Structures are given as C-alpha cells and as structure tokens.
Amino acid sequence: MTTAKLISEIKRKQSFLCVGLDVDLEKIPEFLLKEEDPIFSFNKAIIDATHQYAVAYKPNTAFYEAYGLNGWKSLEKTITYLNEKYPEIFTIADAKRGDIGNTSSRYAKAFFEDLGFDSVTVAPYMGKDSVEPFLAFENKHTILLALTSNEGAFDFQTKKVDGEEVYKQVLKTSKDWKNSENLMYVVGATKAEYFADIRKIIPNSFLLVPGVGAQGGSLKEVCKYGLAENIGLLINSSRGIIYASKGNDFAEAAAREAKNIQFEMKAILDGIH
C-alpha cells in the first residue's frame, strides 16, 4: 500500500487507529477454544466488528510463533482474510526483525511476499545493511524502532553520544538510507514530550505509536506534539480493544472501544481543520 492510499483512508474514516492483534489463548473467551482455529476465529470476529473504525491492524508475531506451526497458520489465515476482505486496511507485521544482508532479505520476503503484509517492524541496532533489504520492496514500509515505550528504553535509546541522544541519531542517520521514503518509526506514547523534538527531525514521516490506553499514554498529548500535515500517526491499541470483554459479546465490546477512540480522533482532526 502506498502512503497516499493510507492517508486517503485516514481522511475517509476520520481515524488513525491501529488495532493490535496480540492473541493469547488464555485471555480470549472460553467458548472459542472449541473452534478448529480459536485464534483465527477470534481475529476474524474482532476485525469484522472494528474495521470501520480502524485503518490498520498489527499482529505481534510472537503471539503466533508461541503456538508453533498452528500459530503461524493462524497468522497466515488472518493476513489473508484482511487482504481479501478489507484490502484498504494497512497491515503491520510486528516482528521486530533485523539482521544483515541476506538474512534481512529473507525476513522481508517472508512478510512482504509470502504473507503479504504492507509493513514490518525492524530493529535498527545493526545499522544500514540490516534495514535497506527491507526498504528495497516497492510500496512496502519498514517501521524502525526509534523510541519505545518500555522501561528499558532508557538503557540505550536516550543515552547521549557526542552530545545527542541515540534515538535522535537513529532518526537522522536513517534518512540517508536508500529508499528511506519507505520508512516509518515506532515512538511510544508514554514518551509524548519527546514528539516535538522528533518532528523537528522527521516532520512528515508516519509514526506508529503504541502505549495509548493500557500503558497509560495520552492520545491528546501525542496528537498535540506528533500530528503532521499528512496526519502522520498510527495509534495502536491492543488489549484495551480486543480484551474489552471475555463474554459472548467480546466483538461488540471491542467495536465499542474502537468507536470511542475513533470518535476522539475525529474530534482532534476536526479541531485542526
């Protein structure tokens, strides 16, 4: 999917919501465990109930890999369903890959060609030759971990080297990589005060923002500092939406939560026009 199509969809739906499909069999409604593929059944119901409020879905691959081959098949069924039923939706493989040369090319082929995702999250620690193989794919996006919302982010990301924080150096350096126009960046919502500095470096790049909701990040604060001319934000919510209920009404409850966030997003977008 092109960036222009993503922006068009954001404007059409008045939403920049990304729903995280982090499926844990211990947390989904018990009656679904009788299904042939409980994970896919859960995902399908969540997607069908929330797609009108969301512009993106983000399965975290660890939640599928944990169930071995069956889990991987559930992931494949989920992305195939999204691509066939809702092709306008932007899809993110939250895989946090990153290795040099040929290995990165294999990872990229797995997620972009075999599974058909629009984007994949990538760790930048190994530098240019670990990221450029992902960037080589046309109309696919590489989402670089820049400033994450976890406690350990302060171990390295905010440390100063030659007077500048490492995460800022990652942002600046990545702009010079081949096909860098295909880059997006992960920036945690719990670091809202950092968004102003980030926008000085990458004013119009899309930011994937986890941490709103269950992790305590504020949508209004993120938008105050993070919104760009092209919107430039994808706000991810996982647990707060998909586990809104453990009962038979789990899909309806997820839809209510997604609608509430979309309503708040619409108000914010209306306020800037």
C-alpha atoms as a PDB file:
ATOM      1  CA  MET A   1       0.000   0.000   0.000  1.00  0.00           C
ATOM      2  CA  THR A   2       1.257   3.489  -0.851  1.00  0.00           C
ATOM      3  CA  THR A   3       1.480   6.218   1.778  1.00  0.00           C
ATOM      4  CA  ALA A   4      -1.008   8.267  -0.270  1.00  0.00           C
ATOM      5  CA  LYS A   5      -3.592   5.445  -0.009  1.00  0.00           C
ATOM      6  CA  LEU A   6      -3.067   5.223   3.745  1.00  0.00           C
ATOM      7  CA  ILE A   7      -3.573   8.989   4.138  1.00  0.00           C
ATOM      8  CA  SER A   8      -6.695   8.819   1.973  1.00  0.00           C
ATOM      9  CA  GLU A   9      -8.122   6.051   4.175  1.00  0.00           C
ATOM     10  CA  ILE A  10      -7.341   8.026   7.354  1.00  0.00           C
ATOM     11  CA  LYS A  11      -9.262  11.013   5.963  1.00  0.00           C
ATOM     12  CA  ARG A  12     -12.167   8.866   4.797  1.00  0.00           C
ATOM     13  CA  LYS A  13     -12.616   7.127   8.140  1.00  0.00           C
ATOM     14  CA  GLN A  14     -11.578  10.129  10.249  1.00  0.00           C
ATOM     15  CA  SER A  15      -9.405   7.680  12.154  1.00  0.00           C
ATOM     16  CA  PHE A  16      -5.745   6.806  12.585  1.00  0.00           C
ATOM     17  CA  LEU A  17      -6.416   3.816  14.826  1.00  0.00           C
ATOM     18  CA  CYS A  18      -4.357   0.641  14.576  1.00  0.00           C
ATOM     19  CA  VAL A  19      -5.725  -2.438  16.353  1.00  0.00           C
ATOM     20  CA  GLY A  20      -3.087  -4.776  17.774  1.00  0.00           C
ATOM     21  CA  LEU A  21      -3.974  -8.444  17.315  1.00  0.00           C
ATOM     22  CA  ASP A  22      -1.899  -9.867  20.179  1.00  0.00           C
ATOM     23  CA  VAL A  23      -3.872 -13.037  20.775  1.00  0.00           C
ATOM     24  CA  ASP A  24      -3.354 -15.029  23.959  1.00  0.00           C
ATOM     25  CA  LEU A  25      -5.431 -18.224  24.217  1.00  0.00           C
ATOM     26  CA  GLU A  26      -5.624 -17.718  27.990  1.00  0.00           C
ATOM     27  CA  LYS A  27      -7.373 -14.369  27.528  1.00  0.00           C
ATOM     28  CA  ILE A  28      -9.858 -14.970  24.723  1.00  0.00           C
ATOM     29  CA  PRO A  29     -13.461 -16.041  25.504  1.00  0.00           C
ATOM     30  CA  GLU A  30     -13.511 -19.655  26.623  1.00  0.00           C
ATOM     31  CA  PHE A  31     -16.220 -20.779  24.168  1.00  0.00           C
ATOM     32  CA  LEU A  32     -13.870 -20.006  21.250  1.00  0.00           C
ATOM     33  CA  LEU A  33     -11.438 -22.714  22.402  1.00  0.00           C
ATOM     34  CA  LYS A  34     -13.830 -25.295  20.940  1.00  0.00           C
ATOM     35  CA  GLU A  35     -13.299 -23.848  17.451  1.00  0.00           C
ATOM     36  CA  GLU A  36     -10.977 -25.573  14.978  1.00  0.00           C
ATOM     37  CA  ASP A  37      -8.745 -22.462  14.935  1.00  0.00           C
ATOM     38  CA  PRO A  38      -9.567 -20.350  18.019  1.00  0.00           C
ATOM     39  CA  ILE A  39      -7.001 -17.651  17.200  1.00  0.00           C
ATOM     40  CA  PHE A  40      -8.321 -17.043  13.684  1.00  0.00           C
ATOM     41  CA  SER A  41     -11.947 -17.216  14.863  1.00  0.00           C
ATOM     42  CA  PHE A  42     -11.159 -14.561  17.480  1.00  0.00           C
ATOM     43  CA  ASN A  43      -9.271 -12.349  14.986  1.00  0.00           C
ATOM     44  CA  LYS A  44     -11.965 -12.622  12.319  1.00  0.00           C
ATOM     45  CA  ALA A  45     -14.674 -11.562  14.776  1.00  0.00           C
ATOM     46  CA  ILE A  46     -12.567  -8.635  16.057  1.00  0.00           C
ATOM     47  CA  ILE A  47     -11.717  -7.474  12.520  1.00  0.00           C
ATOM     48  CA  ASP A  48     -15.319  -7.709  11.291  1.00  0.00           C
ATOM     49  CA  ALA A  49     -16.514  -5.726  14.322  1.00  0.00           C
ATOM     50  CA  THR A  50     -13.874  -2.982  14.278  1.00  0.00           C
ATOM     51  CA  HIS A  51     -12.762  -2.470  10.662  1.00  0.00           C
ATOM     52  CA  GLN A  52     -14.936   0.600  10.108  1.00  0.00           C
ATOM     53  CA  TYR A  53     -13.142   2.396  12.962  1.00  0.00           C
ATOM     54  CA  ALA A  54      -9.561   1.292  12.214  1.00  0.00           C
ATOM     55  CA  VAL A  55      -7.153   1.970   9.355  1.00  0.00           C
ATOM     56  CA  ALA A  56      -4.556  -0.634  10.367  1.00  0.00           C
ATOM     57  CA  TYR A  57      -4.118  -3.984  12.113  1.00  0.00           C
ATOM     58  CA  LYS A  58      -0.919  -5.127  13.775  1.00  0.00           C
ATOM     59  CA  PRO A  59      -0.457  -8.776  14.712  1.00  0.00           C
ATOM     60  CA  ASN A  60       2.551  -9.194  17.012  1.00  0.00           C
ATOM     61  CA  THR A  61       4.152 -12.303  15.534  1.00  0.00           C
ATOM     62  CA  ALA A  62       5.407 -13.578  18.920  1.00  0.00           C
ATOM     63  CA  PHE A  63       1.819 -14.322  19.944  1.00  0.00           C
ATOM     64  CA  TYR A  64       1.533 -16.644  16.920  1.00  0.00           C
ATOM     65  CA  GLU A  65       5.030 -18.146  16.968  1.00  0.00           C
ATOM     66  CA  ALA A  66       4.377 -19.188  20.588  1.00  0.00           C
ATOM     67  CA  TYR A  67       1.861 -21.759  19.286  1.00  0.00           C
ATOM     68  CA  GLY A  68       4.233 -23.295  16.764  1.00  0.00           C
ATOM     69  CA  LEU A  69       3.070 -24.283  13.285  1.00  0.00           C
ATOM     70  CA  ASN A  70      -0.616 -23.909  14.198  1.00  0.00           C
ATOM     71  CA  GLY A  71       0.002 -20.355  15.378  1.00  0.00           C
ATOM     72  CA  TRP A  72       1.817 -19.471  12.161  1.00  0.00           C
ATOM     73  CA  LYS A  73      -1.119 -20.882  10.167  1.00  0.00           C
ATOM     74  CA  SER A  74      -3.484 -18.688  12.206  1.00  0.00           C
ATOM     75  CA  LEU A  75      -1.353 -15.665  11.337  1.00  0.00           C
ATOM     76  CA  GLU A  76      -1.393 -16.599   7.651  1.00  0.00           C
ATOM     77  CA  LYS A  77      -5.180 -17.006   7.695  1.00  0.00           C
ATOM     78  CA  THR A  78      -5.562 -13.653   9.454  1.00  0.00           C
ATOM     79  CA  ILE A  79      -3.467 -11.666   6.968  1.00  0.00           C
ATOM     80  CA  THR A  80      -5.096 -13.454   4.003  1.00  0.00           C
ATOM     81  CA  TYR A  81      -8.544 -12.588   5.385  1.00  0.00           C
ATOM     82  CA  LEU A  82      -7.566  -8.933   5.830  1.00  0.00           C
ATOM     83  CA  ASN A  83      -6.069  -8.658   2.342  1.00  0.00           C
ATOM     84  CA  GLU A  84      -9.048 -10.311   0.646  1.00  0.00           C
ATOM     85  CA  LYS A  85     -11.950  -8.857   2.656  1.00  0.00           C
ATOM     86  CA  TYR A  86     -10.549  -5.438   3.616  1.00  0.00           C
ATOM     87  CA  PRO A  87      -7.785  -4.568   1.101  1.00  0.00           C
ATOM     88  CA  GLU A  88      -7.967  -0.881   2.087  1.00  0.00           C
ATOM     89  CA  ILE A  89      -6.635  -1.729   5.559  1.00  0.00           C
ATOM     90  CA  PHE A  90      -2.918  -1.161   6.265  1.00  0.00           C
ATOM     91  CA  THR A  91      -1.276  -4.263   7.758  1.00  0.00           C
ATOM     92  CA  ILE A  92       1.722  -4.362  10.076  1.00  0.00           C
ATOM     93  CA  ALA A  93       3.761  -7.447  10.963  1.00  0.00           C
ATOM     94  CA  ASP A  94       5.082  -6.543  14.393  1.00  0.00           C
ATOM     95  CA  ALA A  95       8.079  -8.851  14.152  1.00  0.00           C
ATOM     96  CA  LYS A  96      10.954  -6.561  15.259  1.00  0.00           C
ATOM     97  CA  ARG A  97      13.369  -8.275  12.897  1.00  0.00           C
ATOM     98  CA  GLY A  98      16.834  -7.050  11.965  1.00  0.00           C
ATOM     99  CA  ASP A  99      19.903  -8.873  10.702  1.00  0.00           C
ATOM    100  CA  ILE A 100      22.479  -8.272   7.999  1.00  0.00           C
ATOM    101  CA  GLY A 101      22.260  -8.713   4.234  1.00  0.00           C
ATOM    102  CA  ASN A 102      20.766 -11.955   3.006  1.00  0.00           C
ATOM    103  CA  THR A 103      19.065 -12.711   6.313  1.00  0.00           C
ATOM    104  CA  SER A 104      17.142  -9.423   6.239  1.00  0.00           C
ATOM    105  CA  SER A 105      16.183 -10.137   2.628  1.00  0.00           C
ATOM    106  CA  ARG A 106      14.709 -13.477   3.726  1.00  0.00           C
ATOM    107  CA  TYR A 107      12.775 -11.836   6.563  1.00  0.00           C
ATOM    108  CA  ALA A 108      11.475  -9.219   4.119  1.00  0.00           C
ATOM    109  CA  LYS A 109      10.386 -11.885   1.615  1.00  0.00           C
ATOM    110  CA  ALA A 110       8.623 -13.820   4.374  1.00  0.00           C
ATOM    111  CA  PHE A 111       6.493 -10.899   5.500  1.00  0.00           C
ATOM    112  CA  PHE A 112       6.095  -8.890   2.284  1.00  0.00           C
ATOM    113  CA  GLU A 113       5.860 -11.597  -0.381  1.00  0.00           C
ATOM    114  CA  ASP A 114       4.796 -14.846   1.284  1.00  0.00           C
ATOM    115  CA  LEU A 115       2.396 -13.406   3.872  1.00  0.00           C
ATOM    116  CA  GLY A 116       1.567 -10.171   2.046  1.00  0.00           C
ATOM    117  CA  PHE A 117       1.924  -7.610   4.841  1.00  0.00           C
ATOM    118  CA  ASP A 118       2.195  -3.912   3.951  1.00  0.00           C
ATOM    119  CA  SER A 119       4.852  -3.278   6.583  1.00  0.00           C
ATOM    120  CA  VAL A 120       7.111  -4.849   9.190  1.00  0.00           C
ATOM    121  CA  THR A 121       8.763  -3.532  12.343  1.00  0.00           C
ATOM    122  CA  VAL A 122      12.564  -3.650  12.295  1.00  0.00           C
ATOM    123  CA  ALA A 123      15.254  -3.095  14.944  1.00  0.00           C
ATOM    124  CA  PRO A 124      17.938  -0.581  13.824  1.00  0.00           C
ATOM    125  CA  TYR A 125      20.785  -1.720  16.080  1.00  0.00           C
ATOM    126  CA  MET A 126      22.748  -3.412  13.264  1.00  0.00           C
ATOM    127  CA  GLY A 127      22.526  -0.374  11.004  1.00  0.00           C
ATOM    128  CA  LYS A 128      22.066   0.362   7.326  1.00  0.00           C
ATOM    129  CA  ASP A 129      22.822  -3.039   5.787  1.00  0.00           C
ATOM    130  CA  SER A 130      20.295  -4.680   8.102  1.00  0.00           C
ATOM    131  CA  VAL A 131      17.467  -2.298   7.120  1.00  0.00           C
ATOM    132  CA  GLU A 132      17.975  -1.480   3.434  1.00  0.00           C
ATOM    133  CA  PRO A 133      16.970  -5.006   2.261  1.00  0.00           C
ATOM    134  CA  PHE A 134      13.503  -4.291   3.720  1.00  0.00           C
ATOM    135  CA  LEU A 135      13.384  -0.837   2.115  1.00  0.00           C
ATOM    136  CA  ALA A 136      14.048  -2.321  -1.335  1.00  0.00           C
ATOM    137  CA  PHE A 137      10.458  -3.607  -1.618  1.00  0.00           C
ATOM    138  CA  GLU A 138       8.202  -1.275  -3.602  1.00  0.00           C
ATOM    139  CA  ASN A 139       5.113   0.087  -1.833  1.00  0.00           C
ATOM    140  CA  LYS A 140       6.095  -1.742   1.359  1.00  0.00           C
ATOM    141  CA  HIS A 141       7.012   0.042   4.565  1.00  0.00           C
ATOM    142  CA  THR A 142       9.716  -0.576   7.136  1.00  0.00           C
ATOM    143  CA  ILE A 143       8.810   0.613  10.625  1.00  0.00           C
ATOM    144  CA  LEU A 144      12.006   1.340  12.531  1.00  0.00           C
ATOM    145  CA  LEU A 145      12.120   1.129  16.316  1.00  0.00           C
ATOM    146  CA  ALA A 146      13.110   4.661  17.327  1.00  0.00           C
ATOM    147  CA  LEU A 147      11.917   5.416  20.867  1.00  0.00           C
ATOM    148  CA  THR A 148       9.975   2.662  22.574  1.00  0.00           C
ATOM    149  CA  SER A 149       7.547   2.835  25.498  1.00  0.00           C
ATOM    150  CA  ASN A 150       9.169   0.208  27.732  1.00  0.00           C
ATOM    151  CA  GLU A 151      11.195   0.860  30.884  1.00  0.00           C
ATOM    152  CA  GLY A 152      14.426  -0.389  29.279  1.00  0.00           C
ATOM    153  CA  ALA A 153      14.209   2.287  26.569  1.00  0.00           C
ATOM    154  CA  PHE A 154      16.349   4.453  28.843  1.00  0.00           C
ATOM    155  CA  ASP A 155      19.163   1.867  28.851  1.00  0.00           C
ATOM    156  CA  PHE A 156      20.337   2.935  25.376  1.00  0.00           C
ATOM    157  CA  GLN A 157      17.851   4.990  23.378  1.00  0.00           C
ATOM    158  CA  THR A 158      18.034   8.201  25.405  1.00  0.00           C
ATOM    159  CA  LYS A 159      21.744   7.991  26.238  1.00  0.00           C
ATOM    160  CA  LYS A 160      23.793  10.832  24.783  1.00  0.00           C
ATOM    161  CA  VAL A 161      26.686  10.100  22.434  1.00  0.00           C
ATOM    162  CA  ASP A 162      28.674  13.146  21.307  1.00  0.00           C
ATOM    163  CA  GLY A 163      26.066  15.356  22.966  1.00  0.00           C
ATOM    164  CA  GLU A 164      22.996  13.875  21.244  1.00  0.00           C
ATOM    165  CA  GLU A 165      20.565  11.141  22.252  1.00  0.00           C
ATOM    166  CA  VAL A 166      20.983   7.845  20.417  1.00  0.00           C
ATOM    167  CA  TYR A 167      17.363   7.759  19.222  1.00  0.00           C
ATOM    168  CA  LYS A 168      17.862  11.135  17.501  1.00  0.00           C
ATOM    169  CA  GLN A 169      20.965   9.790  15.798  1.00  0.00           C
ATOM    170  CA  VAL A 170      18.968   6.771  14.606  1.00  0.00           C
ATOM    171  CA  LEU A 171      16.337   9.101  13.099  1.00  0.00           C
ATOM    172  CA  LYS A 172      18.894  11.345  11.385  1.00  0.00           C
ATOM    173  CA  THR A 173      21.061   8.511  10.065  1.00  0.00           C
ATOM    174  CA  SER A 174      18.125   6.537   8.702  1.00  0.00           C
ATOM    175  CA  LYS A 175      17.062   9.465   6.493  1.00  0.00           C
ATOM    176  CA  ASP A 176      20.176   8.877   4.353  1.00  0.00           C
ATOM    177  CA  TRP A 177      19.477   5.202   3.690  1.00  0.00           C
ATOM    178  CA  LYS A 178      18.407   4.050   0.234  1.00  0.00           C
ATOM    179  CA  ASN A 179      14.603   4.209  -0.244  1.00  0.00           C
ATOM    180  CA  SER A 180      14.221   5.955   3.140  1.00  0.00           C
ATOM    181  CA  GLU A 181      10.893   7.356   1.899  1.00  0.00           C
ATOM    182  CA  ASN A 182       9.549   3.877   2.786  1.00  0.00           C
ATOM    183  CA  LEU A 183      10.461   4.335   6.463  1.00  0.00           C
ATOM    184  CA  MET A 184       8.045   4.766   9.338  1.00  0.00           C
ATOM    185  CA  TYR A 185       9.054   4.850  13.005  1.00  0.00           C
ATOM    186  CA  VAL A 186       7.888   3.390  16.318  1.00  0.00           C
ATOM    187  CA  VAL A 187       7.604   6.047  19.026  1.00  0.00           C
ATOM    188  CA  GLY A 188       5.980   5.125  22.340  1.00  0.00           C
ATOM    189  CA  ALA A 189       3.018   7.180  23.585  1.00  0.00           C
ATOM    190  CA  THR A 190       4.419   7.220  27.111  1.00  0.00           C
ATOM    191  CA  LYS A 191       7.191   9.474  25.761  1.00  0.00           C
ATOM    192  CA  ALA A 192       4.777  12.198  24.498  1.00  0.00           C
ATOM    193  CA  GLU A 193       7.095  15.052  25.488  1.00  0.00           C
ATOM    194  CA  TYR A 194       9.708  13.749  23.022  1.00  0.00           C
ATOM    195  CA  PHE A 195       7.417  14.105  19.985  1.00  0.00           C
ATOM    196  CA  ALA A 196       8.210  17.792  19.404  1.00  0.00           C
ATOM    197  CA  ASP A 197      11.938  17.027  19.034  1.00  0.00           C
ATOM    198  CA  ILE A 198      11.199  14.004  16.838  1.00  0.00           C
ATOM    199  CA  ARG A 199       9.050  16.085  14.490  1.00  0.00           C
ATOM    200  CA  LYS A 200      11.933  18.537  14.020  1.00  0.00           C
ATOM    201  CA  ILE A 201      13.963  15.660  12.528  1.00  0.00           C
ATOM    202  CA  ILE A 202      11.219  13.773  10.639  1.00  0.00           C
ATOM    203  CA  PRO A 203       8.389  16.295  10.171  1.00  0.00           C
ATOM    204  CA  ASN A 204       6.177  14.178   7.901  1.00  0.00           C
ATOM    205  CA  SER A 205       7.148  10.541   8.486  1.00  0.00           C
ATOM    206  CA  PHE A 206       4.466   8.232   9.830  1.00  0.00           C
ATOM    207  CA  LEU A 207       4.879   7.266  13.480  1.00  0.00           C
ATOM    208  CA  LEU A 208       3.448   4.032  14.856  1.00  0.00           C
ATOM    209  CA  VAL A 209       2.560   4.846  18.445  1.00  0.00           C
ATOM    210  CA  PRO A 210       1.989   2.053  20.982  1.00  0.00           C
ATOM    211  CA  GLY A 211       1.236   2.742  24.627  1.00  0.00           C
ATOM    212  CA  VAL A 212      -2.068   4.651  24.421  1.00  0.00           C
ATOM    213  CA  GLY A 213      -4.646   3.144  26.773  1.00  0.00           C
ATOM    214  CA  ALA A 214      -3.469   0.147  28.787  1.00  0.00           C
ATOM    215  CA  GLN A 215       0.090   1.503  29.086  1.00  0.00           C
ATOM    216  CA  GLY A 216      -1.070   4.964  30.179  1.00  0.00           C
ATOM    217  CA  GLY A 217      -0.207   7.133  27.153  1.00  0.00           C
ATOM    218  CA  SER A 218      -2.447  10.108  26.319  1.00  0.00           C
ATOM    219  CA  LEU A 219      -3.941  10.399  22.828  1.00  0.00           C
ATOM    220  CA  LYS A 220      -4.345  14.177  23.161  1.00  0.00           C
ATOM    221  CA  GLU A 221      -0.729  14.667  24.275  1.00  0.00           C
ATOM    222  CA  VAL A 222       0.595  12.528  21.426  1.00  0.00           C
ATOM    223  CA  CYS A 223      -1.501  14.431  18.878  1.00  0.00           C
ATOM    224  CA  LYS A 224      -0.543  17.809  20.345  1.00  0.00           C
ATOM    225  CA  TYR A 225       3.130  17.211  19.558  1.00  0.00           C
ATOM    226  CA  GLY A 226       3.007  14.425  16.958  1.00  0.00           C
ATOM    227  CA  LEU A 227       0.405  15.296  14.326  1.00  0.00           C
ATOM    228  CA  ALA A 228       1.895  16.230  10.962  1.00  0.00           C
ATOM    229  CA  GLU A 229       0.446  17.896   7.846  1.00  0.00           C
ATOM    230  CA  ASN A 230      -0.360  14.438   6.454  1.00  0.00           C
ATOM    231  CA  ILE A 231      -1.636  13.280   9.921  1.00  0.00           C
ATOM    232  CA  GLY A 232       1.472  11.072  10.165  1.00  0.00           C
ATOM    233  CA  LEU A 233       0.286   8.989  13.118  1.00  0.00           C
ATOM    234  CA  LEU A 234      -0.951   5.438  13.614  1.00  0.00           C
ATOM    235  CA  ILE A 235      -2.087   4.988  17.205  1.00  0.00           C
ATOM    236  CA  ASN A 236      -2.043   1.370  18.303  1.00  0.00           C
ATOM    237  CA  SER A 237      -4.364  -0.102  20.887  1.00  0.00           C
ATOM    238  CA  SER A 238      -4.272  -3.823  21.621  1.00  0.00           C
ATOM    239  CA  ARG A 239      -5.502  -5.091  24.994  1.00  0.00           C
ATOM    240  CA  GLY A 240      -7.905  -2.185  25.569  1.00  0.00           C
ATOM    241  CA  ILE A 241      -9.871  -3.163  22.454  1.00  0.00           C
ATOM    242  CA  ILE A 242      -9.512  -6.894  21.868  1.00  0.00           C
ATOM    243  CA  TYR A 243      -9.975  -7.888  25.516  1.00  0.00           C
ATOM    244  CA  ALA A 244     -12.757  -5.413  26.330  1.00  0.00           C
ATOM    245  CA  SER A 245     -14.934  -8.424  27.212  1.00  0.00           C
ATOM    246  CA  LYS A 246     -14.372 -12.142  27.803  1.00  0.00           C
ATOM    247  CA  GLY A 247     -18.028 -12.940  27.207  1.00  0.00           C
ATOM    248  CA  ASN A 248     -20.115 -13.773  24.156  1.00  0.00           C
ATOM    249  CA  ASP A 249     -20.232 -10.046  23.410  1.00  0.00           C
ATOM    250  CA  PHE A 250     -16.426  -9.743  23.022  1.00  0.00           C
ATOM    251  CA  ALA A 251     -16.637  -8.489  19.422  1.00  0.00           C
ATOM    252  CA  GLU A 252     -19.342  -5.924  20.210  1.00  0.00           C
ATOM    253  CA  ALA A 253     -17.326  -4.715  23.213  1.00  0.00           C
ATOM    254  CA  ALA A 254     -14.230  -4.376  21.021  1.00  0.00           C
ATOM    255  CA  ALA A 255     -16.262  -2.373  18.498  1.00  0.00           C
ATOM    256  CA  ARG A 256     -17.457  -0.001  21.250  1.00  0.00           C
ATOM    257  CA  GLU A 257     -13.899   0.624  22.421  1.00  0.00           C
ATOM    258  CA  ALA A 258     -12.644   1.166  18.862  1.00  0.00           C
ATOM    259  CA  LYS A 259     -15.550   3.515  18.124  1.00  0.00           C
ATOM    260  CA  ASN A 260     -14.797   5.561  21.254  1.00  0.00           C
ATOM    261  CA  ILE A 261     -11.175   6.037  20.163  1.00  0.00           C
ATOM    262  CA  GLN A 262     -12.216   6.852  16.584  1.00  0.00           C
ATOM    263  CA  PHE A 263     -14.698   9.436  17.921  1.00  0.00           C
ATOM    264  CA  GLU A 264     -11.910  11.084  19.914  1.00  0.00           C
ATOM    265  CA  MET A 265      -9.651  11.026  16.838  1.00  0.00           C
ATOM    266  CA  LYS A 266     -12.365  12.604  14.678  1.00  0.00           C
ATOM    267  CA  ALA A 267     -12.747  15.433  17.222  1.00  0.00           C
ATOM    268  CA  ILE A 268      -8.989  16.035  17.135  1.00  0.00           C
ATOM    269  CA  LEU A 269      -8.918  16.058  13.310  1.00  0.00           C
ATOM    270  CA  ASP A 270     -11.947  18.370  13.174  1.00  0.00           C
ATOM    271  CA  GLY A 271     -10.127  20.720  15.535  1.00  0.00           C
ATOM    272  CA  ILE A 272      -7.122  21.146  13.231  1.00  0.00           C
ATOM    273  CA  HIS A 273      -9.129  21.866  10.053  1.00  0.00           C
END
